Amino acid sequence: MKEYLQATPMLDYNSNGIQQLVVDRKWKDKDAFQKILEIYNFVRDEIKFGYNVDDIIKASEVLEDGYGQCNTKGTLFMALLRAVGIPCRTHGFTIDKMLQKGAMTGIIYRLAPQNIVHSWAEIFFEEKWLNIEGFILDVPYLNKLQEKFSECNGSFCGYGVATNDFKKPQIDWNKNDTYIQKEGINRDFGIFNSPDEFFRKHRQEFSPLKKWIFQNIARKLMNRNVSGIRENNSKK
């Protein structure tokens, strides 16, 4: 388990911000279940769903941003877990861009690659590995999305969601797997010791121009769309 507890350039849990958060929340004083539960809920709801400048930013940068998506929230989640002695690793995939429709709109959606690099964290708890993906969307955002599409009782794909049960997606952790985008997965890259290792082998394929557009224009529009849903009423 040693390799699943190490700090890495991305999992920089020795940084001042992360260490201070761990102290403030008294996470090291809790048992393993409570550590995972509280860190999971923190990353899910106190780090809002949103799009950072890159997939490969450090955990401390995600914490400073205060928002993230599948890959960046996963990095922060793993750094916090390793900081308190919970083994974890990365599982890499791609997802179909249809999952992002609504958050991405117009020309930004058309410019996006069909297959988007995706990952979830796996934690070792009670002698087994659990898949943890349900922290991607904060509950206030998800609740507003459920209000906006209140007639949907089954599968839903879009706005950062890909689930078979839109009303009650598997996003609460109680010694179980959690998911919110799993149904959008279209390729499995396997398991990696860390996000650093995963992203060394699998990066989003962007031309320099498209990367600049995403970092400086597209993601800001996407964050505005997400914030508009979170802060808006239930009208379609």
C-alpha atoms as a PDB file:
ATOM      1  CA  MET A   1       0.000   0.000   0.000  1.00  0.00           C
ATOM      2  CA  LYS A   2       3.012   2.315   0.278  1.00  0.00           C
ATOM      3  CA  GLU A   3       2.709   3.600  -3.294  1.00  0.00           C
ATOM      4  CA  TYR A   4      -0.936   4.504  -2.639  1.00  0.00           C
ATOM      5  CA  LEU A   5      -0.021   6.824   0.245  1.00  0.00           C
ATOM      6  CA  GLN A   6       2.844   8.816  -1.264  1.00  0.00           C
ATOM      7  CA  ALA A   7       2.805  12.510  -2.054  1.00  0.00           C
ATOM      8  CA  THR A   8       3.399  13.368  -5.724  1.00  0.00           C
ATOM      9  CA  PRO A   9       3.739  16.680  -7.593  1.00  0.00           C
ATOM     10  CA  MET A  10      -0.035  16.663  -8.177  1.00  0.00           C
ATOM     11  CA  LEU A  11      -0.957  15.055  -4.842  1.00  0.00           C
ATOM     12  CA  ASP A  12       0.920  17.741  -2.914  1.00  0.00           C
ATOM     13  CA  TYR A  13      -0.666  17.073   0.457  1.00  0.00           C
ATOM     14  CA  ASN A  14       2.294  18.535   2.327  1.00  0.00           C
ATOM     15  CA  SER A  15       1.362  21.994   1.030  1.00  0.00           C
ATOM     16  CA  ASN A  16       0.369  24.534   3.652  1.00  0.00           C
ATOM     17  CA  GLY A  17      -3.232  24.889   2.508  1.00  0.00           C
ATOM     18  CA  ILE A  18      -3.984  21.182   2.577  1.00  0.00           C
ATOM     19  CA  GLN A  19      -2.182  20.610   5.864  1.00  0.00           C
ATOM     20  CA  GLN A  20      -4.071  23.496   7.454  1.00  0.00           C
ATOM     21  CA  LEU A  21      -7.402  22.163   6.206  1.00  0.00           C
ATOM     22  CA  VAL A  22      -6.658  18.719   7.654  1.00  0.00           C
ATOM     23  CA  VAL A  23      -5.804  20.306  11.016  1.00  0.00           C
ATOM     24  CA  ASP A  24      -8.847  22.606  11.005  1.00  0.00           C
ATOM     25  CA  ARG A  25     -11.229  19.729  10.240  1.00  0.00           C
ATOM     26  CA  LYS A  26      -9.466  17.406  12.742  1.00  0.00           C
ATOM     27  CA  TRP A  27      -9.562  14.647  10.127  1.00  0.00           C
ATOM     28  CA  LYS A  28      -6.535  12.826  11.493  1.00  0.00           C
ATOM     29  CA  ASP A  29      -8.404  12.315  14.774  1.00  0.00           C
ATOM     30  CA  LYS A  30     -11.247  10.382  13.112  1.00  0.00           C
ATOM     31  CA  ASP A  31     -11.562   6.672  12.323  1.00  0.00           C
ATOM     32  CA  ALA A  32     -11.140   5.533   8.715  1.00  0.00           C
ATOM     33  CA  PHE A  33     -14.862   5.583   7.888  1.00  0.00           C
ATOM     34  CA  GLN A  34     -15.337   9.093   9.233  1.00  0.00           C
ATOM     35  CA  LYS A  35     -12.186  10.357   7.506  1.00  0.00           C
ATOM     36  CA  ILE A  36     -13.430   9.146   4.138  1.00  0.00           C
ATOM     37  CA  LEU A  37     -17.003  10.332   4.682  1.00  0.00           C
ATOM     38  CA  GLU A  38     -16.052  13.853   5.759  1.00  0.00           C
ATOM     39  CA  ILE A  39     -13.423  14.285   3.043  1.00  0.00           C
ATOM     40  CA  TYR A  40     -15.839  12.924   0.444  1.00  0.00           C
ATOM     41  CA  ASN A  41     -18.603  15.327   1.480  1.00  0.00           C
ATOM     42  CA  PHE A  42     -16.139  18.226   1.596  1.00  0.00           C
ATOM     43  CA  VAL A  43     -14.900  17.606  -1.945  1.00  0.00           C
ATOM     44  CA  ARG A  44     -18.408  16.973  -3.283  1.00  0.00           C
ATOM     45  CA  ASP A  45     -20.186  19.975  -1.788  1.00  0.00           C
ATOM     46  CA  GLU A  46     -17.656  22.544  -0.567  1.00  0.00           C
ATOM     47  CA  ILE A  47     -15.627  22.337  -3.771  1.00  0.00           C
ATOM     48  CA  LYS A  48     -18.178  23.355  -6.379  1.00  0.00           C
ATOM     49  CA  PHE A  49     -18.545  21.725  -9.772  1.00  0.00           C
ATOM     50  CA  GLY A  50     -16.648  23.828 -12.309  1.00  0.00           C
ATOM     51  CA  TYR A  51     -13.864  23.779 -14.874  1.00  0.00           C
ATOM     52  CA  ASN A  52     -10.264  24.565 -13.897  1.00  0.00           C
ATOM     53  CA  VAL A  53      -7.555  25.806 -16.233  1.00  0.00           C
ATOM     54  CA  ASP A  54      -6.108  22.301 -16.735  1.00  0.00           C
ATOM     55  CA  ASP A  55      -6.512  18.668 -15.692  1.00  0.00           C
ATOM     56  CA  ILE A  56      -2.986  18.481 -14.291  1.00  0.00           C
ATOM     57  CA  ILE A  57      -3.069  21.227 -11.686  1.00  0.00           C
ATOM     58  CA  LYS A  58      -1.979  20.365  -8.148  1.00  0.00           C
ATOM     59  CA  ALA A  59      -4.415  19.438  -5.395  1.00  0.00           C
ATOM     60  CA  SER A  60      -3.489  22.626  -3.538  1.00  0.00           C
ATOM     61  CA  GLU A  61      -4.493  24.651  -6.615  1.00  0.00           C
ATOM     62  CA  VAL A  62      -7.868  22.908  -6.807  1.00  0.00           C
ATOM     63  CA  LEU A  63      -8.418  23.758  -3.148  1.00  0.00           C
ATOM     64  CA  GLU A  64      -7.475  27.363  -3.818  1.00  0.00           C
ATOM     65  CA  ASP A  65      -9.805  27.557  -6.849  1.00  0.00           C
ATOM     66  CA  GLY A  66     -12.687  26.200  -4.763  1.00  0.00           C
ATOM     67  CA  TYR A  67     -14.137  24.338  -7.734  1.00  0.00           C
ATOM     68  CA  GLY A  68     -13.299  21.413  -9.977  1.00  0.00           C
ATOM     69  CA  GLN A  69     -14.448  18.654 -12.321  1.00  0.00           C
ATOM     70  CA  CYS A  70     -13.917  14.901 -12.394  1.00  0.00           C
ATOM     71  CA  ASN A  71     -10.148  14.922 -12.773  1.00  0.00           C
ATOM     72  CA  THR A  72      -9.293  17.896 -10.579  1.00  0.00           C
ATOM     73  CA  LYS A  73     -11.721  17.071  -7.787  1.00  0.00           C
ATOM     74  CA  GLY A  74     -10.304  13.558  -7.890  1.00  0.00           C
ATOM     75  CA  THR A  75      -6.797  14.941  -7.416  1.00  0.00           C
ATOM     76  CA  LEU A  76      -7.865  16.929  -4.356  1.00  0.00           C
ATOM     77  CA  PHE A  77      -9.852  14.009  -2.939  1.00  0.00           C
ATOM     78  CA  MET A  78      -6.872  11.685  -3.255  1.00  0.00           C
ATOM     79  CA  ALA A  79      -4.433  14.198  -1.753  1.00  0.00           C
ATOM     80  CA  LEU A  80      -6.670  14.673   1.273  1.00  0.00           C
ATOM     81  CA  LEU A  81      -7.090  10.927   1.712  1.00  0.00           C
ATOM     82  CA  ARG A  82      -3.362  10.275   1.519  1.00  0.00           C
ATOM     83  CA  ALA A  83      -2.752  13.125   3.957  1.00  0.00           C
ATOM     84  CA  VAL A  84      -4.726  11.191   6.585  1.00  0.00           C
ATOM     85  CA  GLY A  85      -3.413   7.726   5.718  1.00  0.00           C
ATOM     86  CA  ILE A  86      -6.151   6.338   3.436  1.00  0.00           C
ATOM     87  CA  PRO A  87      -4.725   4.445   0.430  1.00  0.00           C
ATOM     88  CA  CYS A  88      -6.097   5.472  -2.948  1.00  0.00           C
ATOM     89  CA  ARG A  89      -5.339   5.251  -6.652  1.00  0.00           C
ATOM     90  CA  THR A  90      -6.584   6.564 -10.007  1.00  0.00           C
ATOM     91  CA  HIS A  91      -8.734   4.778 -12.589  1.00  0.00           C
ATOM     92  CA  GLY A  92      -8.643   6.411 -16.017  1.00  0.00           C
ATOM     93  CA  PHE A  93     -11.209   6.501 -18.812  1.00  0.00           C
ATOM     94  CA  THR A  94     -12.689   8.608 -21.553  1.00  0.00           C
ATOM     95  CA  ILE A  95     -16.301   9.772 -21.615  1.00  0.00           C
ATOM     96  CA  ASP A  96     -18.471  10.819 -24.553  1.00  0.00           C
ATOM     97  CA  LYS A  97     -18.767  14.588 -24.809  1.00  0.00           C
ATOM     98  CA  MET A  98     -22.575  14.251 -24.864  1.00  0.00           C
ATOM     99  CA  LEU A  99     -22.276  14.116 -21.082  1.00  0.00           C
ATOM    100  CA  GLN A 100     -21.102  17.755 -21.100  1.00  0.00           C
ATOM    101  CA  LYS A 101     -23.832  19.094 -23.385  1.00  0.00           C
ATOM    102  CA  GLY A 102     -25.635  21.896 -21.614  1.00  0.00           C
ATOM    103  CA  ALA A 103     -22.565  22.880 -19.641  1.00  0.00           C
ATOM    104  CA  MET A 104     -20.888  23.190 -23.036  1.00  0.00           C
ATOM    105  CA  THR A 105     -23.032  24.944 -25.619  1.00  0.00           C
ATOM    106  CA  GLY A 106     -22.853  26.238 -29.183  1.00  0.00           C
ATOM    107  CA  ILE A 107     -19.503  26.383 -30.909  1.00  0.00           C
ATOM    108  CA  ILE A 108     -17.682  25.343 -27.718  1.00  0.00           C
ATOM    109  CA  TYR A 109     -19.536  22.019 -27.755  1.00  0.00           C
ATOM    110  CA  ARG A 110     -18.806  21.532 -31.448  1.00  0.00           C
ATOM    111  CA  LEU A 111     -15.101  22.229 -30.922  1.00  0.00           C
ATOM    112  CA  ALA A 112     -14.785  19.816 -27.984  1.00  0.00           C
ATOM    113  CA  PRO A 113     -13.205  16.411 -28.677  1.00  0.00           C
ATOM    114  CA  GLN A 114     -15.693  13.557 -28.934  1.00  0.00           C
ATOM    115  CA  ASN A 115     -13.880  11.609 -26.211  1.00  0.00           C
ATOM    116  CA  ILE A 116     -12.978  13.505 -23.039  1.00  0.00           C
ATOM    117  CA  VAL A 117     -10.356  12.253 -20.591  1.00  0.00           C
ATOM    118  CA  HIS A 118     -12.035  11.212 -17.353  1.00  0.00           C
ATOM    119  CA  SER A 119     -11.011   9.580 -14.090  1.00  0.00           C
ATOM    120  CA  TRP A 120     -12.320   8.493 -10.733  1.00  0.00           C
ATOM    121  CA  ALA A 121     -10.582   7.647  -7.489  1.00  0.00           C
ATOM    122  CA  GLU A 122     -10.446   4.199  -5.947  1.00  0.00           C
ATOM    123  CA  ILE A 123     -10.077   3.917  -2.175  1.00  0.00           C
ATOM    124  CA  PHE A 124      -8.952   0.915  -0.141  1.00  0.00           C
ATOM    125  CA  PHE A 125     -11.381   0.447   2.724  1.00  0.00           C
ATOM    126  CA  GLU A 126     -12.161  -2.658   4.784  1.00  0.00           C
ATOM    127  CA  GLU A 127      -9.926  -4.859   2.632  1.00  0.00           C
ATOM    128  CA  LYS A 128     -11.459  -3.935  -0.731  1.00  0.00           C
ATOM    129  CA  TRP A 129     -11.223  -1.262  -3.406  1.00  0.00           C
ATOM    130  CA  LEU A 130     -14.214   1.045  -3.920  1.00  0.00           C
ATOM    131  CA  ASN A 131     -14.932   3.234  -6.970  1.00  0.00           C
ATOM    132  CA  ILE A 132     -15.532   6.860  -6.009  1.00  0.00           C
ATOM    133  CA  GLU A 133     -16.912   9.190  -8.680  1.00  0.00           C
ATOM    134  CA  GLY A 134     -20.025  10.698  -7.063  1.00  0.00           C
ATOM    135  CA  PHE A 135     -18.226  13.764  -5.686  1.00  0.00           C
ATOM    136  CA  ILE A 136     -18.039  15.528  -9.069  1.00  0.00           C
ATOM    137  CA  LEU A 137     -21.276  17.549  -8.794  1.00  0.00           C
ATOM    138  CA  ASP A 138     -22.053  19.555  -5.683  1.00  0.00           C
ATOM    139  CA  VAL A 139     -25.517  18.786  -4.324  1.00  0.00           C
ATOM    140  CA  PRO A 140     -26.892  22.356  -4.774  1.00  0.00           C
ATOM    141  CA  TYR A 141     -26.021  22.183  -8.493  1.00  0.00           C
ATOM    142  CA  LEU A 142     -27.450  18.683  -8.879  1.00  0.00           C
ATOM    143  CA  ASN A 143     -30.648  19.653  -7.060  1.00  0.00           C
ATOM    144  CA  LYS A 144     -31.177  22.607  -9.408  1.00  0.00           C
ATOM    145  CA  LEU A 145     -30.573  20.347 -12.375  1.00  0.00           C
ATOM    146  CA  GLN A 146     -33.166  17.897 -11.039  1.00  0.00           C
ATOM    147  CA  GLU A 147     -35.631  20.780 -10.675  1.00  0.00           C
ATOM    148  CA  LYS A 148     -34.887  21.992 -14.203  1.00  0.00           C
ATOM    149  CA  PHE A 149     -35.603  18.515 -15.618  1.00  0.00           C
ATOM    150  CA  SER A 150     -38.164  17.440 -13.037  1.00  0.00           C
ATOM    151  CA  GLU A 151     -40.038  15.216 -15.488  1.00  0.00           C
ATOM    152  CA  CYS A 152     -37.006  12.935 -15.915  1.00  0.00           C
ATOM    153  CA  ASN A 153     -37.446   9.731 -13.892  1.00  0.00           C
ATOM    154  CA  GLY A 154     -34.846   7.439 -15.446  1.00  0.00           C
ATOM    155  CA  SER A 155     -31.613   7.875 -17.357  1.00  0.00           C
ATOM    156  CA  PHE A 156     -30.110  11.320 -17.930  1.00  0.00           C
ATOM    157  CA  CYS A 157     -27.073  12.451 -19.894  1.00  0.00           C
ATOM    158  CA  GLY A 158     -25.863  16.038 -20.044  1.00  0.00           C
ATOM    159  CA  TYR A 159     -24.801  18.993 -17.886  1.00  0.00           C
ATOM    160  CA  GLY A 160     -22.039  16.862 -16.292  1.00  0.00           C
ATOM    161  CA  VAL A 161     -24.340  13.906 -15.529  1.00  0.00           C
ATOM    162  CA  ALA A 162     -24.557  10.412 -16.990  1.00  0.00           C
ATOM    163  CA  THR A 163     -26.671   8.169 -14.763  1.00  0.00           C
ATOM    164  CA  ASN A 164     -29.412   5.560 -15.039  1.00  0.00           C
ATOM    165  CA  ASP A 165     -31.293   7.064 -12.080  1.00  0.00           C
ATOM    166  CA  PHE A 166     -31.471  10.848 -12.327  1.00  0.00           C
ATOM    167  CA  LYS A 167     -33.828  11.201  -9.366  1.00  0.00           C
ATOM    168  CA  LYS A 168     -31.615   9.217  -6.998  1.00  0.00           C
ATOM    169  CA  PRO A 169     -28.089   8.905  -8.362  1.00  0.00           C
ATOM    170  CA  GLN A 170     -25.572   6.979  -6.292  1.00  0.00           C
ATOM    171  CA  ILE A 171     -23.718   9.984  -4.837  1.00  0.00           C
ATOM    172  CA  ASP A 172     -23.841   9.362  -1.054  1.00  0.00           C
ATOM    173  CA  TRP A 173     -20.946   7.412   0.432  1.00  0.00           C
ATOM    174  CA  ASN A 174     -21.610   4.721   3.030  1.00  0.00           C
ATOM    175  CA  LYS A 175     -18.939   2.082   2.404  1.00  0.00           C
ATOM    176  CA  ASN A 176     -20.091   1.825  -1.227  1.00  0.00           C
ATOM    177  CA  ASP A 177     -19.148   2.777  -4.772  1.00  0.00           C
ATOM    178  CA  THR A 178     -20.449   6.179  -5.874  1.00  0.00           C
ATOM    179  CA  TYR A 179     -21.113   7.368  -9.427  1.00  0.00           C
ATOM    180  CA  ILE A 180     -22.505  10.343 -11.336  1.00  0.00           C
ATOM    181  CA  GLN A 181     -20.861  10.102 -14.798  1.00  0.00           C
ATOM    182  CA  LYS A 182     -20.224   6.365 -15.156  1.00  0.00           C
ATOM    183  CA  GLU A 183     -22.823   5.799 -17.888  1.00  0.00           C
ATOM    184  CA  GLY A 184     -20.914   8.147 -20.196  1.00  0.00           C
ATOM    185  CA  ILE A 185     -17.716   6.083 -20.134  1.00  0.00           C
ATOM    186  CA  ASN A 186     -16.651   4.735 -23.517  1.00  0.00           C
ATOM    187  CA  ARG A 187     -13.041   3.637 -22.931  1.00  0.00           C
ATOM    188  CA  ASP A 188     -11.206   2.168 -19.940  1.00  0.00           C
ATOM    189  CA  PHE A 189      -7.482   2.938 -19.562  1.00  0.00           C
ATOM    190  CA  GLY A 190      -7.076   0.948 -16.347  1.00  0.00           C
ATOM    191  CA  ILE A 191      -5.576   1.677 -12.941  1.00  0.00           C
ATOM    192  CA  PHE A 192      -2.701   4.016 -12.083  1.00  0.00           C
ATOM    193  CA  ASN A 193      -0.857   4.718  -8.829  1.00  0.00           C
ATOM    194  CA  SER A 194      -1.569   8.446  -9.089  1.00  0.00           C
ATOM    195  CA  PRO A 195      -3.092  11.078 -11.385  1.00  0.00           C
ATOM    196  CA  ASP A 196       0.466  12.085 -12.306  1.00  0.00           C
ATOM    197  CA  GLU A 197       1.057   8.627 -13.756  1.00  0.00           C
ATOM    198  CA  PHE A 198      -2.286   8.630 -15.583  1.00  0.00           C
ATOM    199  CA  PHE A 199      -1.831  12.041 -17.194  1.00  0.00           C
ATOM    200  CA  ARG A 200       1.722  11.277 -18.286  1.00  0.00           C
ATOM    201  CA  LYS A 201       0.200   8.605 -20.546  1.00  0.00           C
ATOM    202  CA  HIS A 202      -3.219  10.067 -21.360  1.00  0.00           C
ATOM    203  CA  ARG A 203      -3.751  13.785 -21.909  1.00  0.00           C
ATOM    204  CA  GLN A 204      -6.647  15.522 -23.615  1.00  0.00           C
ATOM    205  CA  GLU A 205      -5.775  15.936 -27.288  1.00  0.00           C
ATOM    206  CA  PHE A 206      -5.927  19.648 -28.079  1.00  0.00           C
ATOM    207  CA  SER A 207      -4.127  21.666 -30.706  1.00  0.00           C
ATOM    208  CA  PRO A 208      -2.321  24.698 -29.207  1.00  0.00           C
ATOM    209  CA  LEU A 209      -5.105  26.947 -30.499  1.00  0.00           C
ATOM    210  CA  LYS A 210      -7.923  24.800 -29.093  1.00  0.00           C
ATOM    211  CA  LYS A 211      -6.116  24.560 -25.763  1.00  0.00           C
ATOM    212  CA  TRP A 212      -5.859  28.351 -25.604  1.00  0.00           C
ATOM    213  CA  ILE A 213      -9.560  28.708 -26.495  1.00  0.00           C
ATOM    214  CA  PHE A 214     -10.555  26.231 -23.803  1.00  0.00           C
ATOM    215  CA  GLN A 215      -8.393  27.748 -21.086  1.00  0.00           C
ATOM    216  CA  ASN A 216      -9.215  31.376 -21.809  1.00  0.00           C
ATOM    217  CA  ILE A 217     -12.730  31.389 -23.251  1.00  0.00           C
ATOM    218  CA  ALA A 218     -14.567  28.055 -23.222  1.00  0.00           C
ATOM    219  CA  ARG A 219     -14.129  27.070 -19.604  1.00  0.00           C
ATOM    220  CA  LYS A 220     -15.222  30.523 -18.430  1.00  0.00           C
ATOM    221  CA  LEU A 221     -18.409  30.226 -20.458  1.00  0.00           C
ATOM    222  CA  MET A 222     -18.921  26.699 -19.093  1.00  0.00           C
ATOM    223  CA  ASN A 223     -18.452  27.914 -15.520  1.00  0.00           C
ATOM    224  CA  ARG A 224     -20.957  30.681 -16.180  1.00  0.00           C
ATOM    225  CA  ASN A 225     -23.476  28.124 -17.475  1.00  0.00           C
ATOM    226  CA  VAL A 226     -22.980  25.908 -14.418  1.00  0.00           C
ATOM    227  CA  SER A 227     -23.256  28.835 -12.011  1.00  0.00           C
ATOM    228  CA  GLY A 228     -26.404  30.004 -13.777  1.00  0.00           C
ATOM    229  CA  ILE A 229     -28.066  26.651 -13.139  1.00  0.00           C
ATOM    230  CA  ARG A 230     -26.907  26.507  -9.514  1.00  0.00           C
ATOM    231  CA  GLU A 231     -28.176  30.007  -8.781  1.00  0.00           C
ATOM    232  CA  ASN A 232     -31.284  30.031 -10.945  1.00  0.00           C
ATOM    233  CA  ASN A 233     -34.881  28.950 -10.449  1.00  0.00           C
ATOM    234  CA  SER A 234     -36.346  25.739 -11.840  1.00  0.00           C
ATOM    235  CA  LYS A 235     -37.582  27.204 -15.139  1.00  0.00           C
ATOM    236  CA  LYS A 236     -36.322  25.496 -18.273  1.00  0.00           C
END
